[in-house]
C-alpha atoms as a PDB file:
ATOM      1  CA  UNK A   1      15.530 -28.111 -31.295  1.00  0.00           C
ATOM      2  CA  UNK A   2      12.125 -26.529 -32.023  1.00  0.00           C
ATOM      3  CA  UNK A   3      10.950 -24.973 -34.994  1.00  0.00           C
ATOM      4  CA  UNK A   4       8.528 -22.252 -35.030  1.00  0.00           C
ATOM      5  CA  UNK A   5       7.151 -20.822 -38.259  1.00  0.00           C
ATOM      6  CA  UNK A   6       6.492 -17.159 -38.650  1.00  0.00           C
ATOM      7  CA  UNK A   7       3.005 -17.779 -39.367  1.00  0.00           C
ATOM      8  CA  UNK A   8       2.706 -19.174 -36.199  1.00  0.00           C
ATOM      9  CA  UNK A   9       4.559 -16.493 -34.190  1.00  0.00           C
ATOM     10  CA  UNK A  10       2.162 -13.891 -36.197  1.00  0.00           C
ATOM     11  CA  UNK A  11      -0.968 -15.874 -35.141  1.00  0.00           C
ATOM     12  CA  UNK A  12       0.078 -15.944 -31.473  1.00  0.00           C
ATOM     13  CA  UNK A  13       1.035 -12.131 -31.526  1.00  0.00           C
ATOM     14  CA  UNK A  14      -2.564 -11.679 -33.113  1.00  0.00           C
ATOM     15  CA  UNK A  15      -4.288 -13.576 -30.432  1.00  0.00           C
ATOM     16  CA  UNK A  16      -2.200 -11.733 -27.664  1.00  0.00           C
ATOM     17  CA  UNK A  17      -2.983  -8.315 -28.971  1.00  0.00           C
ATOM     18  CA  UNK A  18      -6.865  -8.963 -29.382  1.00  0.00           C
ATOM     19  CA  UNK A  19      -7.044  -9.718 -25.794  1.00  0.00           C
ATOM     20  CA  UNK A  20      -5.724  -6.438 -24.648  1.00  0.00           C
ATOM     21  CA  UNK A  21      -7.816  -3.672 -23.520  1.00  0.00           C
ATOM     22  CA  UNK A  22      -8.749  -1.118 -26.149  1.00  0.00           C
ATOM     23  CA  UNK A  23      -8.476   2.524 -25.058  1.00  0.00           C
ATOM     24  CA  UNK A  24      -7.386   5.717 -27.007  1.00  0.00           C
ATOM     25  CA  UNK A  25      -5.266   8.786 -26.201  1.00  0.00           C
ATOM     26  CA  UNK A  26      -6.454  10.967 -23.076  1.00  0.00           C
ATOM     27  CA  UNK A  27      -6.810  14.954 -23.726  1.00  0.00           C
ATOM     28  CA  UNK A  28      -7.737  16.242 -20.875  1.00  0.00           C
ATOM     29  CA  UNK A  29      -8.051  15.597 -16.680  1.00  0.00           C
ATOM     30  CA  UNK A  30     -11.747  15.288 -16.945  1.00  0.00           C
ATOM     31  CA  UNK A  31     -11.150  12.282 -19.597  1.00  0.00           C
ATOM     32  CA  UNK A  32      -8.436  10.759 -17.629  1.00  0.00           C
ATOM     33  CA  UNK A  33     -10.465  10.641 -14.292  1.00  0.00           C
ATOM     34  CA  UNK A  34     -13.346   9.263 -16.359  1.00  0.00           C
ATOM     35  CA  UNK A  35     -11.725   6.509 -17.763  1.00  0.00           C
ATOM     36  CA  UNK A  36     -10.180   5.033 -14.621  1.00  0.00           C
ATOM     37  CA  UNK A  37     -13.986   4.496 -13.421  1.00  0.00           C
ATOM     38  CA  UNK A  38     -15.137   0.883 -13.522  1.00  0.00           C
ATOM     39  CA  UNK A  39     -18.978   1.318 -12.543  1.00  0.00           C
ATOM     40  CA  UNK A  40     -21.795   1.811 -15.032  1.00  0.00           C
ATOM     41  CA  UNK A  41     -23.238   5.232 -14.799  1.00  0.00           C
ATOM     42  CA  UNK A  42     -22.697   9.073 -15.942  1.00  0.00           C
ATOM     43  CA  UNK A  43     -20.046  11.272 -15.110  1.00  0.00           C
ATOM     44  CA  UNK A  44     -19.258  14.888 -15.600  1.00  0.00           C
ATOM     45  CA  UNK A  45     -15.969  17.100 -15.115  1.00  0.00           C
ATOM     46  CA  UNK A  46     -14.193  13.949 -13.472  1.00  0.00           C
ATOM     47  CA  UNK A  47     -17.202  13.311 -10.731  1.00  0.00           C
ATOM     48  CA  UNK A  48     -20.129  10.739 -10.768  1.00  0.00           C
ATOM     49  CA  UNK A  49     -23.552  12.222 -11.417  1.00  0.00           C
ATOM     50  CA  UNK A  50     -25.026   8.626 -11.167  1.00  0.00           C
ATOM     51  CA  UNK A  51     -23.508   5.379 -10.619  1.00  0.00           C
ATOM     52  CA  UNK A  52     -25.201   2.040 -10.918  1.00  0.00           C
ATOM     53  CA  UNK A  53     -25.459   0.006  -7.422  1.00  0.00           C
ATOM     54  CA  UNK A  54     -27.284  -3.300  -7.662  1.00  0.00           C
ATOM     55  CA  UNK A  55     -28.793  -3.240  -4.242  1.00  0.00           C
ATOM     56  CA  UNK A  56     -30.508   0.026  -4.710  1.00  0.00           C
ATOM     57  CA  UNK A  57     -31.237   0.501  -8.404  1.00  0.00           C
ATOM     58  CA  UNK A  58     -32.818  -1.050 -11.459  1.00  0.00           C
ATOM     59  CA  UNK A  59     -31.515  -1.763 -14.681  1.00  0.00           C
ATOM     60  CA  UNK A  60     -33.035  -2.596 -18.165  1.00  0.00           C
ATOM     61  CA  UNK A  61     -31.909  -3.203 -21.545  1.00  0.00           C
ATOM     62  CA  UNK A  62     -33.497  -3.434 -25.034  1.00  0.00           C
ATOM     63  CA  UNK A  63     -31.252  -5.255 -27.173  1.00  0.00           C
ATOM     64  CA  UNK A  64     -33.597  -4.494 -30.337  1.00  0.00           C
ATOM     65  CA  UNK A  65     -33.251  -0.855 -29.725  1.00  0.00           C
ATOM     66  CA  UNK A  66     -29.824  -0.733 -28.250  1.00  0.00           C
ATOM     67  CA  UNK A  67     -31.415   0.795 -25.176  1.00  0.00           C
ATOM     68  CA  UNK A  68     -30.067   0.937 -21.761  1.00  0.00           C
ATOM     69  CA  UNK A  69     -31.501   2.149 -18.473  1.00  0.00           C
ATOM     70  CA  UNK A  70     -30.573   2.525 -15.023  1.00  0.00           C
ATOM     71  CA  UNK A  71     -32.704   4.058 -12.332  1.00  0.00           C
ATOM     72  CA  UNK A  72     -33.340   4.438  -8.686  1.00  0.00           C
ATOM     73  CA  UNK A  73     -35.839   2.140  -7.035  1.00  0.00           C
ATOM     74  CA  UNK A  74     -38.019   5.378  -6.485  1.00  0.00           C
ATOM     75  CA  UNK A  75     -37.506   6.338 -10.007  1.00  0.00           C
ATOM     76  CA  UNK A  76     -36.162  10.053  -9.106  1.00  0.00           C
ATOM     77  CA  UNK A  77     -32.910   9.621 -10.957  1.00  0.00           C
ATOM     78  CA  UNK A  78     -32.771   7.704 -14.110  1.00  0.00           C
ATOM     79  CA  UNK A  79     -30.343   7.279 -16.895  1.00  0.00           C
ATOM     80  CA  UNK A  80     -31.699   6.056 -20.490  1.00  0.00           C
ATOM     81  CA  UNK A  81     -29.427   5.943 -23.477  1.00  0.00           C
ATOM     82  CA  UNK A  82     -30.267   4.592 -27.203  1.00  0.00           C
ATOM     83  CA  UNK A  83     -27.417   3.817 -29.317  1.00  0.00           C
ATOM     84  CA  UNK A  84     -27.232   4.065 -32.837  1.00  0.00           C
ATOM     85  CA  UNK A  85     -24.658   1.083 -33.259  1.00  0.00           C
ATOM     86  CA  UNK A  86     -22.787  -1.070 -30.765  1.00  0.00           C
ATOM     87  CA  UNK A  87     -19.139   0.164 -31.096  1.00  0.00           C
ATOM     88  CA  UNK A  88     -16.429  -2.727 -31.362  1.00  0.00           C
ATOM     89  CA  UNK A  89     -13.335  -0.518 -31.249  1.00  0.00           C
ATOM     90  CA  UNK A  90     -12.161   2.413 -29.205  1.00  0.00           C
ATOM     91  CA  UNK A  91     -11.852   5.550 -31.460  1.00  0.00           C
ATOM     92  CA  UNK A  92     -15.351   5.119 -33.005  1.00  0.00           C
ATOM     93  CA  UNK A  93     -17.838   8.095 -32.912  1.00  0.00           C
ATOM     94  CA  UNK A  94     -21.346   7.005 -32.663  1.00  0.00           C
ATOM     95  CA  UNK A  95     -25.035   8.873 -32.442  1.00  0.00           C
ATOM     96  CA  UNK A  96     -26.741   8.581 -29.149  1.00  0.00           C
ATOM     97  CA  UNK A  97     -30.337   9.382 -27.679  1.00  0.00           C
ATOM     98  CA  UNK A  98     -29.681  10.365 -24.038  1.00  0.00           C
ATOM     99  CA  UNK A  99     -31.651  11.333 -21.309  1.00  0.00           C
ATOM    100  CA  UNK A 100     -30.520  11.838 -17.674  1.00  0.00           C
ATOM    101  CA  UNK A 101     -32.731  13.116 -14.970  1.00  0.00           C
ATOM    102  CA  UNK A 102     -32.282  13.688 -11.368  1.00  0.00           C
ATOM    103  CA  UNK A 103     -33.238  16.168  -8.983  1.00  0.00           C
ATOM    104  CA  UNK A 104     -31.939  19.672  -9.889  1.00  0.00           C
ATOM    105  CA  UNK A 105     -30.214  18.064 -12.995  1.00  0.00           C
ATOM    106  CA  UNK A 106     -31.305  17.313 -16.478  1.00  0.00           C
ATOM    107  CA  UNK A 107     -29.095  16.424 -19.494  1.00  0.00           C
ATOM    108  CA  UNK A 108     -30.355  15.156 -22.878  1.00  0.00           C
ATOM    109  CA  UNK A 109     -29.758  15.030 -26.917  1.00  0.00           C
ATOM    110  CA  UNK A 110     -26.093  14.591 -26.316  1.00  0.00           C
ATOM    111  CA  UNK A 111     -25.839  13.200 -29.879  1.00  0.00           C
ATOM    112  CA  UNK A 112     -22.335  12.401 -30.888  1.00  0.00           C
ATOM    113  CA  UNK A 113     -20.381  10.166 -28.493  1.00  0.00           C
ATOM    114  CA  UNK A 114     -16.546   8.845 -28.964  1.00  0.00           C
ATOM    115  CA  UNK A 115     -16.024   5.276 -27.704  1.00  0.00           C
ATOM    116  CA  UNK A 116     -13.035   5.971 -25.460  1.00  0.00           C
ATOM    117  CA  UNK A 117     -12.066   2.563 -24.088  1.00  0.00           C
ATOM    118  CA  UNK A 118     -13.674  -1.108 -24.285  1.00  0.00           C
ATOM    119  CA  UNK A 119     -13.013  -3.753 -21.573  1.00  0.00           C
ATOM    120  CA  UNK A 120     -15.035  -6.917 -22.000  1.00  0.00           C
ATOM    121  CA  UNK A 121     -18.618  -5.832 -21.964  1.00  0.00           C
ATOM    122  CA  UNK A 122     -18.200  -2.330 -20.839  1.00  0.00           C
ATOM    123  CA  UNK A 123     -17.653   0.408 -22.963  1.00  0.00           C
ATOM    124  CA  UNK A 124     -16.990   4.070 -22.284  1.00  0.00           C
ATOM    125  CA  UNK A 125     -18.722   7.081 -24.175  1.00  0.00           C
ATOM    126  CA  UNK A 126     -17.399  10.431 -24.013  1.00  0.00           C
ATOM    127  CA  UNK A 127     -18.220  13.818 -24.842  1.00  0.00           C
ATOM    128  CA  UNK A 128     -15.239  16.160 -25.036  1.00  0.00           C
ATOM    129  CA  UNK A 129     -17.753  19.393 -25.699  1.00  0.00           C
ATOM    130  CA  UNK A 130     -19.091  19.037 -22.409  1.00  0.00           C
ATOM    131  CA  UNK A 131     -16.880  16.629 -20.295  1.00  0.00           C
ATOM    132  CA  UNK A 132     -19.327  13.815 -19.964  1.00  0.00           C
ATOM    133  CA  UNK A 133     -19.020  10.546 -20.070  1.00  0.00           C
ATOM    134  CA  UNK A 134     -21.044   7.239 -19.575  1.00  0.00           C
ATOM    135  CA  UNK A 135     -19.949   3.813 -18.954  1.00  0.00           C
ATOM    136  CA  UNK A 136     -22.327   0.892 -20.089  1.00  0.00           C
ATOM    137  CA  UNK A 137     -22.319  -2.660 -19.658  1.00  0.00           C
ATOM    138  CA  UNK A 138     -23.359  -4.370 -22.921  1.00  0.00           C
ATOM    139  CA  UNK A 139     -23.330  -8.019 -21.378  1.00  0.00           C
ATOM    140  CA  UNK A 140     -27.217  -8.328 -21.540  1.00  0.00           C
ATOM    141  CA  UNK A 141     -27.306  -7.802 -25.230  1.00  0.00           C
END
């Protein structure tokens, strides 16, 4: 008969729980829709404003500044984000500098975002004040 120690069971449970996706409570339909998205970009009121497409857009990062940027090849639409810190857990609030520009749209200076989800290298940042979310791929850091 196999004997398994309590410590071995605890260690196995800890490893399993650390592999799960990290997500927080959803408090609005807009946030629910945003958290279902999987593509880097900026979202508002449950709709995408700008989603990264590797065939038509450019992406750049600056690891020293924790800066992320995606833009169209023609540079008419651009999302630039600088993080105060890289969140490691959902539920953390971080200070950011955000500049999103496209024809007819300008968003800047959203300064306090909630990390609402983490999955692999992807983080979901949410502002409940203006129902705006940003998805960032941190894999290049």
